[in-house]
Structure formats: C-alpha cells, structure tokens
Amino acid sequence: METIAIPFDADAADRLKRAAAEIGMSLEEFIASAAEQVAADHEGQAGASLTEEQAASIRRGLEDVAAGRLYDHSEVFDELKARYKR
C-alpha cells in the first residue's frame, strides 16, 4: 500500500471528517474509497460511447423539448404521488 499526502483546506477537511463519521468509516478509508470510486467511474467512462438506442433516446428528448412537450416538476410529482399512494 502506498501513502499519498493531500492537503485540504480546513473547511473541506471538516466536511470530510463529518461525512466519514456519519457512515462509520475512518477518514483514511473514506477518502480512499471516494478516490477509488471516482477513478473507477472515470475509467468506465473513458472512451465509452453511447449506444444507438441511447443516442436515439436523447434525440427524442431534445425533439420533445423543441416541440414544447414538457412537464412541470409539480405535475410529475403529483402523478407519482397519486400512482403510489399508500
């Protein structure tokens, strides 16, 4: 294992310490885990292109926006609340 020293300003260090404590991890484990996740996400996205289905879905969404086929967030939440009312 290699140790890497990284300086943080006091505010960032405090936020990191609080976040680590809230989930029961040491500060070192928390920062290492977060850094590893960012690196893995970056590696997974590097050079990744959209599938034709994903690109088509994005195009349809942009066409909907251009045509004014939009929903206000309150409309969406009202519909979801009604659908999943307990």
PDB file of N, CA and C in Angstrom:
ATOM      1  N   MET A   1       0.851  -1.184   0.000  1.00  0.00           N
ATOM      2  CA  MET A   1       0.000   0.000   0.000  1.00  0.00           C
ATOM      3  C   MET A   1       0.882   1.228   0.000  1.00  0.00           C
ATOM      4  N   GLU A   2       0.474   2.221  -0.768  1.00  0.00           N
ATOM      5  CA  GLU A   2       1.217   3.473  -0.845  1.00  0.00           C
ATOM      6  C   GLU A   2       0.441   4.572  -0.135  1.00  0.00           C
ATOM      7  N   THR A   3       1.140   5.415   0.583  1.00  0.00           N
ATOM      8  CA  THR A   3       0.525   6.547   1.262  1.00  0.00           C
ATOM      9  C   THR A   3       0.739   7.793   0.416  1.00  0.00           C
ATOM     10  N   ILE A   4      -0.335   8.537   0.226  1.00  0.00           N
ATOM     11  CA  ILE A   4      -0.290   9.781  -0.533  1.00  0.00           C
ATOM     12  C   ILE A   4      -0.812  10.892   0.369  1.00  0.00           C
ATOM     13  N   ALA A   5      -0.016  11.933   0.557  1.00  0.00           N
ATOM     14  CA  ALA A   5      -0.431  13.060   1.395  1.00  0.00           C
ATOM     15  C   ALA A   5      -1.097  14.112   0.516  1.00  0.00           C
ATOM     16  N   ILE A   6      -2.302  14.509   0.905  1.00  0.00           N
ATOM     17  CA  ILE A   6      -3.055  15.506   0.143  1.00  0.00           C
ATOM     18  C   ILE A   6      -3.527  16.595   1.097  1.00  0.00           C
ATOM     19  N   PRO A   7      -3.112  17.839   0.861  1.00  0.00           N
ATOM     20  CA  PRO A   7      -3.573  18.921   1.741  1.00  0.00           C
ATOM     21  C   PRO A   7      -5.008  19.338   1.392  1.00  0.00           C
ATOM     22  N   PHE A   8      -5.807  19.588   2.424  1.00  0.00           N
ATOM     23  CA  PHE A   8      -7.171  20.100   2.271  1.00  0.00           C
ATOM     24  C   PHE A   8      -7.292  21.368   3.093  1.00  0.00           C
ATOM     25  N   ASP A   9      -8.110  22.312   2.624  1.00  0.00           N
ATOM     26  CA  ASP A   9      -8.344  23.479   3.465  1.00  0.00           C
ATOM     27  C   ASP A   9      -9.187  23.028   4.657  1.00  0.00           C
ATOM     28  N   ALA A  10      -9.241  23.842   5.691  1.00  0.00           N
ATOM     29  CA  ALA A  10      -9.879  23.452   6.941  1.00  0.00           C
ATOM     30  C   ALA A  10     -11.350  23.092   6.759  1.00  0.00           C
ATOM     31  N   ASP A  11     -12.068  23.857   5.944  1.00  0.00           N
ATOM     32  CA  ASP A  11     -13.493  23.587   5.723  1.00  0.00           C
ATOM     33  C   ASP A  11     -13.704  22.242   5.051  1.00  0.00           C
ATOM     34  N   ALA A  12     -12.928  21.967   4.010  1.00  0.00           N
ATOM     35  CA  ALA A  12     -13.053  20.691   3.302  1.00  0.00           C
ATOM     36  C   ALA A  12     -12.689  19.534   4.231  1.00  0.00           C
ATOM     37  N   ALA A  13     -11.635  19.701   5.023  1.00  0.00           N
ATOM     38  CA  ALA A  13     -11.218  18.653   5.949  1.00  0.00           C
ATOM     39  C   ALA A  13     -12.323  18.361   6.970  1.00  0.00           C
ATOM     40  N   ASP A  14     -12.953  19.402   7.482  1.00  0.00           N
ATOM     41  CA  ASP A  14     -14.054  19.217   8.437  1.00  0.00           C
ATOM     42  C   ASP A  14     -15.225  18.473   7.790  1.00  0.00           C
ATOM     43  N   ARG A  15     -15.582  18.849   6.559  1.00  0.00           N
ATOM     44  CA  ARG A  15     -16.687  18.182   5.867  1.00  0.00           C
ATOM     45  C   ARG A  15     -16.369  16.712   5.623  1.00  0.00           C
ATOM     46  N   LEU A  16     -15.146  16.432   5.228  1.00  0.00           N
ATOM     47  CA  LEU A  16     -14.747  15.041   5.002  1.00  0.00           C
ATOM     48  C   LEU A  16     -14.801  14.235   6.302  1.00  0.00           C
ATOM     49  N   LYS A  17     -14.319  14.816   7.375  1.00  0.00           N
ATOM     50  CA  LYS A  17     -14.346  14.127   8.672  1.00  0.00           C
ATOM     51  C   LYS A  17     -15.776  13.832   9.113  1.00  0.00           C
ATOM     52  N   ARG A  18     -16.676  14.814   8.955  1.00  0.00           N
ATOM     53  CA  ARG A  18     -18.071  14.608   9.342  1.00  0.00           C
ATOM     54  C   ARG A  18     -18.719  13.517   8.491  1.00  0.00           C
ATOM     55  N   ALA A  19     -18.486  13.565   7.188  1.00  0.00           N
ATOM     56  CA  ALA A  19     -19.079  12.571   6.296  1.00  0.00           C
ATOM     57  C   ALA A  19     -18.579  11.172   6.625  1.00  0.00           C
ATOM     58  N   ALA A  20     -17.298  11.045   6.879  1.00  0.00           N
ATOM     59  CA  ALA A  20     -16.734   9.737   7.231  1.00  0.00           C
ATOM     60  C   ALA A  20     -17.339   9.227   8.530  1.00  0.00           C
ATOM     61  N   ALA A  21     -17.447  10.105   9.522  1.00  0.00           N
ATOM     62  CA  ALA A  21     -18.009   9.707  10.814  1.00  0.00           C
ATOM     63  C   ALA A  21     -19.470   9.298  10.687  1.00  0.00           C
ATOM     64  N   GLU A  22     -20.219  10.009   9.841  1.00  0.00           N
ATOM     65  CA  GLU A  22     -21.641   9.699   9.671  1.00  0.00           C
ATOM     66  C   GLU A  22     -21.877   8.298   9.124  1.00  0.00           C
ATOM     67  N   ILE A  23     -20.949   7.797   8.325  1.00  0.00           N
ATOM     68  CA  ILE A  23     -21.137   6.450   7.779  1.00  0.00           C
ATOM     69  C   ILE A  23     -20.244   5.422   8.459  1.00  0.00           C
ATOM     70  N   GLY A  24     -19.559   5.825   9.529  1.00  0.00           N
ATOM     71  CA  GLY A  24     -18.790   4.886  10.334  1.00  0.00           C
ATOM     72  C   GLY A  24     -17.485   4.425   9.706  1.00  0.00           C
ATOM     73  N   MET A  25     -16.869   5.275   8.923  1.00  0.00           N
ATOM     74  CA  MET A  25     -15.577   4.939   8.323  1.00  0.00           C
ATOM     75  C   MET A  25     -14.503   5.852   8.891  1.00  0.00           C
ATOM     76  N   SER A  26     -13.265   5.363   8.882  1.00  0.00           N
ATOM     77  CA  SER A  26     -12.172   6.256   9.232  1.00  0.00           C
ATOM     78  C   SER A  26     -12.018   7.258   8.106  1.00  0.00           C
ATOM     79  N   LEU A  27     -11.413   8.383   8.395  1.00  0.00           N
ATOM     80  CA  LEU A  27     -11.198   9.407   7.371  1.00  0.00           C
ATOM     81  C   LEU A  27     -10.375   8.839   6.218  1.00  0.00           C
ATOM     82  N   GLU A  28      -9.350   8.059   6.556  1.00  0.00           N
ATOM     83  CA  GLU A  28      -8.490   7.475   5.526  1.00  0.00           C
ATOM     84  C   GLU A  28      -9.276   6.531   4.623  1.00  0.00           C
ATOM     85  N   GLU A  29     -10.094   5.671   5.229  1.00  0.00           N
ATOM     86  CA  GLU A  29     -10.914   4.742   4.436  1.00  0.00           C
ATOM     87  C   GLU A  29     -11.900   5.503   3.553  1.00  0.00           C
ATOM     88  N   PHE A  30     -12.509   6.536   4.115  1.00  0.00           N
ATOM     89  CA  PHE A  30     -13.499   7.327   3.377  1.00  0.00           C
ATOM     90  C   PHE A  30     -12.881   7.984   2.153  1.00  0.00           C
ATOM     91  N   ILE A  31     -11.751   8.659   2.336  1.00  0.00           N
ATOM     92  CA  ILE A  31     -11.110   9.352   1.224  1.00  0.00           C
ATOM     93  C   ILE A  31     -10.610   8.348   0.189  1.00  0.00           C
ATOM     94  N   ALA A  32     -10.019   7.242   0.626  1.00  0.00           N
ATOM     95  CA  ALA A  32      -9.526   6.229  -0.308  1.00  0.00           C
ATOM     96  C   ALA A  32     -10.682   5.633  -1.102  1.00  0.00           C
ATOM     97  N   SER A  33     -11.793   5.336  -0.427  1.00  0.00           N
ATOM     98  CA  SER A  33     -12.956   4.765  -1.095  1.00  0.00           C
ATOM     99  C   SER A  33     -13.520   5.739  -2.124  1.00  0.00           C
ATOM    100  N   ALA A  34     -13.635   6.995  -1.747  1.00  0.00           N
ATOM    101  CA  ALA A  34     -14.158   8.008  -2.665  1.00  0.00           C
ATOM    102  C   ALA A  34     -13.234   8.172  -3.863  1.00  0.00           C
ATOM    103  N   ALA A  35     -11.937   8.217  -3.628  1.00  0.00           N
ATOM    104  CA  ALA A  35     -10.985   8.380  -4.724  1.00  0.00           C
ATOM    105  C   ALA A  35     -11.023   7.175  -5.659  1.00  0.00           C
ATOM    106  N   GLU A  36     -11.112   5.983  -5.094  1.00  0.00           N
ATOM    107  CA  GLU A  36     -11.191   4.776  -5.917  1.00  0.00           C
ATOM    108  C   GLU A  36     -12.454   4.773  -6.766  1.00  0.00           C
ATOM    109  N   GLN A  37     -13.569   5.221  -6.199  1.00  0.00           N
ATOM    110  CA  GLN A  37     -14.826   5.261  -6.949  1.00  0.00           C
ATOM    111  C   GLN A  37     -14.750   6.263  -8.092  1.00  0.00           C
ATOM    112  N   VAL A  38     -14.169   7.419  -7.841  1.00  0.00           N
ATOM    113  CA  VAL A  38     -14.017   8.421  -8.894  1.00  0.00           C
ATOM    114  C   VAL A  38     -13.135   7.870 -10.008  1.00  0.00           C
ATOM    115  N   ALA A  39     -12.031   7.210  -9.646  1.00  0.00           N
ATOM    116  CA  ALA A  39     -11.134   6.640 -10.658  1.00  0.00           C
ATOM    117  C   ALA A  39     -11.846   5.557 -11.457  1.00  0.00           C
ATOM    118  N   ALA A  40     -12.602   4.696 -10.786  1.00  0.00           N
ATOM    119  CA  ALA A  40     -13.332   3.627 -11.471  1.00  0.00           C
ATOM    120  C   ALA A  40     -14.384   4.206 -12.405  1.00  0.00           C
ATOM    121  N   ASP A  41     -15.101   5.233 -11.949  1.00  0.00           N
ATOM    122  CA  ASP A  41     -16.104   5.886 -12.799  1.00  0.00           C
ATOM    123  C   ASP A  41     -15.453   6.482 -14.028  1.00  0.00           C
ATOM    124  N   HIS A  42     -14.320   7.133 -13.819  1.00  0.00           N
ATOM    125  CA  HIS A  42     -13.606   7.753 -14.933  1.00  0.00           C
ATOM    126  C   HIS A  42     -13.130   6.698 -15.923  1.00  0.00           C
ATOM    127  N   GLU A  43     -12.571   5.618 -15.415  1.00  0.00           N
ATOM    128  CA  GLU A  43     -12.099   4.544 -16.295  1.00  0.00           C
ATOM    129  C   GLU A  43     -13.256   3.916 -17.058  1.00  0.00           C
ATOM    130  N   GLY A  44     -14.394   3.778 -16.401  1.00  0.00           N
ATOM    131  CA  GLY A  44     -15.561   3.191 -17.051  1.00  0.00           C
ATOM    132  C   GLY A  44     -16.137   4.069 -18.135  1.00  0.00           C
ATOM    133  N   GLN A  45     -15.938   5.382 -18.006  1.00  0.00           N
ATOM    134  CA  GLN A  45     -16.496   6.312 -18.972  1.00  0.00           C
ATOM    135  C   GLN A  45     -15.507   6.700 -20.059  1.00  0.00           C
ATOM    136  N   ALA A  46     -14.234   6.476 -19.802  1.00  0.00           N
ATOM    137  CA  ALA A  46     -13.210   6.886 -20.766  1.00  0.00           C
ATOM    138  C   ALA A  46     -13.398   6.121 -22.074  1.00  0.00           C
ATOM    139  N   GLY A  47     -13.600   6.844 -23.114  1.00  0.00           N
ATOM    140  CA  GLY A  47     -13.749   6.230 -24.420  1.00  0.00           C
ATOM    141  C   GLY A  47     -15.077   5.541 -24.646  1.00  0.00           C
ATOM    142  N   ALA A  48     -15.944   5.585 -23.647  1.00  0.00           N
ATOM    143  CA  ALA A  48     -17.246   4.933 -23.797  1.00  0.00           C
ATOM    144  C   ALA A  48     -18.138   5.812 -24.662  1.00  0.00           C
ATOM    145  N   SER A  49     -18.719   5.210 -25.645  1.00  0.00           N
ATOM    146  CA  SER A  49     -19.630   5.968 -26.486  1.00  0.00           C
ATOM    147  C   SER A  49     -21.053   5.483 -26.234  1.00  0.00           C
ATOM    148  N   LEU A  50     -21.991   6.278 -26.651  1.00  0.00           N
ATOM    149  CA  LEU A  50     -23.396   5.921 -26.483  1.00  0.00           C
ATOM    150  C   LEU A  50     -23.781   4.828 -27.464  1.00  0.00           C
ATOM    151  N   THR A  51     -24.688   3.978 -27.029  1.00  0.00           N
ATOM    152  CA  THR A  51     -25.260   3.023 -27.966  1.00  0.00           C
ATOM    153  C   THR A  51     -26.213   3.784 -28.872  1.00  0.00           C
ATOM    154  N   GLU A  52     -26.590   3.200 -29.987  1.00  0.00           N
ATOM    155  CA  GLU A  52     -27.537   3.861 -30.894  1.00  0.00           C
ATOM    156  C   GLU A  52     -28.869   4.099 -30.187  1.00  0.00           C
ATOM    157  N   GLU A  53     -29.270   3.149 -29.338  1.00  0.00           N
ATOM    158  CA  GLU A  53     -30.528   3.305 -28.593  1.00  0.00           C
ATOM    159  C   GLU A  53     -30.452   4.494 -27.642  1.00  0.00           C
ATOM    160  N   GLN A  54     -29.320   4.663 -26.952  1.00  0.00           N
ATOM    161  CA  GLN A  54     -29.151   5.793 -26.042  1.00  0.00           C
ATOM    162  C   GLN A  54     -29.168   7.113 -26.817  1.00  0.00           C
ATOM    163  N   ALA A  55     -28.445   7.153 -27.943  1.00  0.00           N
ATOM    164  CA  ALA A  55     -28.402   8.371 -28.758  1.00  0.00           C
ATOM    165  C   ALA A  55     -29.794   8.705 -29.286  1.00  0.00           C
ATOM    166  N   ALA A  56     -30.542   7.692 -29.718  1.00  0.00           N
ATOM    167  CA  ALA A  56     -31.901   7.919 -30.231  1.00  0.00           C
ATOM    168  C   ALA A  56     -32.806   8.452 -29.123  1.00  0.00           C
ATOM    169  N   SER A  57     -32.651   7.925 -27.920  1.00  0.00           N
ATOM    170  CA  SER A  57     -33.456   8.385 -26.794  1.00  0.00           C
ATOM    171  C   SER A  57     -33.163   9.855 -26.481  1.00  0.00           C
ATOM    172  N   ILE A  58     -31.907  10.213 -26.527  1.00  0.00           N
ATOM    173  CA  ILE A  58     -31.530  11.613 -26.297  1.00  0.00           C
ATOM    174  C   ILE A  58     -32.109  12.503 -27.389  1.00  0.00           C
ATOM    175  N   ARG A  59     -32.009  12.074 -28.638  1.00  0.00           N
ATOM    176  CA  ARG A  59     -32.578  12.857 -29.743  1.00  0.00           C
ATOM    177  C   ARG A  59     -34.082  13.051 -29.556  1.00  0.00           C
ATOM    178  N   ARG A  60     -34.796  11.967 -29.168  1.00  0.00           N
ATOM    179  CA  ARG A  60     -36.244  12.098 -28.936  1.00  0.00           C
ATOM    180  C   ARG A  60     -36.522  13.102 -27.831  1.00  0.00           C
ATOM    181  N   GLY A  61     -35.737  13.061 -26.776  1.00  0.00           N
ATOM    182  CA  GLY A  61     -35.924  14.015 -25.686  1.00  0.00           C
ATOM    183  C   GLY A  61     -35.702  15.445 -26.124  1.00  0.00           C
ATOM    184  N   LEU A  62     -34.661  15.665 -26.914  1.00  0.00           N
ATOM    185  CA  LEU A  62     -34.398  17.018 -27.419  1.00  0.00           C
ATOM    186  C   LEU A  62     -35.495  17.479 -28.359  1.00  0.00           C
ATOM    187  N   GLU A  63     -36.019  16.560 -29.163  1.00  0.00           N
ATOM    188  CA  GLU A  63     -37.147  16.910 -30.042  1.00  0.00           C
ATOM    189  C   GLU A  63     -38.373  17.275 -29.217  1.00  0.00           C
ATOM    190  N   ASP A  64     -38.627  16.549 -28.130  1.00  0.00           N
ATOM    191  CA  ASP A  64     -39.755  16.873 -27.252  1.00  0.00           C
ATOM    192  C   ASP A  64     -39.597  18.270 -26.672  1.00  0.00           C
ATOM    193  N   VAL A  65     -38.390  18.597 -26.225  1.00  0.00           N
ATOM    194  CA  VAL A  65     -38.143  19.929 -25.664  1.00  0.00           C
ATOM    195  C   VAL A  65     -38.392  20.988 -26.731  1.00  0.00           C
ATOM    196  N   ALA A  66     -37.849  20.782 -27.925  1.00  0.00           N
ATOM    197  CA  ALA A  66     -38.010  21.761 -29.011  1.00  0.00           C
ATOM    198  C   ALA A  66     -39.477  21.948 -29.385  1.00  0.00           C
ATOM    199  N   ALA A  67     -40.272  20.885 -29.265  1.00  0.00           N
ATOM    200  CA  ALA A  67     -41.692  20.952 -29.625  1.00  0.00           C
ATOM    201  C   ALA A  67     -42.558  21.408 -28.452  1.00  0.00           C
ATOM    202  N   GLY A  68     -41.938  21.666 -27.314  1.00  0.00           N
ATOM    203  CA  GLY A  68     -42.695  22.134 -26.165  1.00  0.00           C
ATOM    204  C   GLY A  68     -43.401  21.043 -25.391  1.00  0.00           C
ATOM    205  N   ARG A  69     -43.046  19.794 -25.634  1.00  0.00           N
ATOM    206  CA  ARG A  69     -43.669  18.678 -24.898  1.00  0.00           C
ATOM    207  C   ARG A  69     -42.910  18.480 -23.594  1.00  0.00           C
ATOM    208  N   LEU A  70     -43.275  19.307 -22.636  1.00  0.00           N
ATOM    209  CA  LEU A  70     -42.593  19.322 -21.345  1.00  0.00           C
ATOM    210  C   LEU A  70     -43.597  19.149 -20.218  1.00  0.00           C
ATOM    211  N   TYR A  71     -43.107  18.697 -19.072  1.00  0.00           N
ATOM    212  CA  TYR A  71     -43.940  18.576 -17.878  1.00  0.00           C
ATOM    213  C   TYR A  71     -43.277  19.359 -16.766  1.00  0.00           C
ATOM    214  N   ASP A  72     -44.054  20.119 -16.070  1.00  0.00           N
ATOM    215  CA  ASP A  72     -43.584  20.820 -14.891  1.00  0.00           C
ATOM    216  C   ASP A  72     -43.316  19.782 -13.806  1.00  0.00           C
ATOM    217  N   HIS A  73     -42.287  20.005 -12.996  1.00  0.00           N
ATOM    218  CA  HIS A  73     -41.963  19.016 -11.971  1.00  0.00           C
ATOM    219  C   HIS A  73     -43.117  18.761 -11.015  1.00  0.00           C
ATOM    220  N   SER A  74     -43.925  19.770 -10.745  1.00  0.00           N
ATOM    221  CA  SER A  74     -45.058  19.561  -9.831  1.00  0.00           C
ATOM    222  C   SER A  74     -46.080  18.614 -10.449  1.00  0.00           C
ATOM    223  N   GLU A  75     -46.263  18.681 -11.770  1.00  0.00           N
ATOM    224  CA  GLU A  75     -47.170  17.745 -12.451  1.00  0.00           C
ATOM    225  C   GLU A  75     -46.662  16.310 -12.319  1.00  0.00           C
ATOM    226  N   VAL A  76     -45.371  16.145 -12.503  1.00  0.00           N
ATOM    227  CA  VAL A  76     -44.777  14.809 -12.411  1.00  0.00           C
ATOM    228  C   VAL A  76     -44.926  14.262 -11.003  1.00  0.00           C
ATOM    229  N   PHE A  77     -44.608  15.072  -9.991  1.00  0.00           N
ATOM    230  CA  PHE A  77     -44.705  14.597  -8.617  1.00  0.00           C
ATOM    231  C   PHE A  77     -46.142  14.331  -8.209  1.00  0.00           C
ATOM    232  N   ASP A  78     -47.072  15.151  -8.661  1.00  0.00           N
ATOM    233  CA  ASP A  78     -48.481  14.902  -8.361  1.00  0.00           C
ATOM    234  C   ASP A  78     -48.921  13.560  -8.944  1.00  0.00           C
ATOM    235  N   GLU A  79     -48.504  13.271 -10.172  1.00  0.00           N
ATOM    236  CA  GLU A  79     -48.851  11.999 -10.800  1.00  0.00           C
ATOM    237  C   GLU A  79     -48.215  10.826 -10.057  1.00  0.00           C
ATOM    238  N   LEU A  80     -46.958  10.980  -9.666  1.00  0.00           N
ATOM    239  CA  LEU A  80     -46.282   9.898  -8.927  1.00  0.00           C
ATOM    240  C   LEU A  80     -46.938   9.656  -7.574  1.00  0.00           C
ATOM    241  N   LYS A  81     -47.285  10.742  -6.893  1.00  0.00           N
ATOM    242  CA  LYS A  81     -47.943  10.604  -5.586  1.00  0.00           C
ATOM    243  C   LYS A  81     -49.275   9.874  -5.730  1.00  0.00           C
ATOM    244  N   ALA A  82     -50.043  10.239  -6.756  1.00  0.00           N
ATOM    245  CA  ALA A  82     -51.332   9.593  -6.984  1.00  0.00           C
ATOM    246  C   ALA A  82     -51.151   8.115  -7.336  1.00  0.00           C
ATOM    247  N   ARG A  83     -50.141   7.824  -8.122  1.00  0.00           N
ATOM    248  CA  ARG A  83     -49.916   6.453  -8.573  1.00  0.00           C
ATOM    249  C   ARG A  83     -49.449   5.550  -7.431  1.00  0.00           C
ATOM    250  N   TYR A  84     -48.635   6.084  -6.553  1.00  0.00           N
ATOM    251  CA  TYR A  84     -48.038   5.266  -5.489  1.00  0.00           C
ATOM    252  C   TYR A  84     -48.576   5.609  -4.109  1.00  0.00           C
ATOM    253  N   LYS A  85     -49.796   6.136  -4.079  1.00  0.00           N
ATOM    254  CA  LYS A  85     -50.417   6.498  -2.814  1.00  0.00           C
ATOM    255  C   LYS A  85     -50.625   5.248  -1.971  1.00  0.00           C
ATOM    256  N   ARG A  86     -50.282   5.338  -0.724  1.00  0.00           N
ATOM    257  CA  ARG A  86     -50.398   4.178   0.175  1.00  0.00           C
ATOM    258  C   ARG A  86     -51.590   4.300   1.058  1.00  0.00           C
TER     259      ARG A  86
END
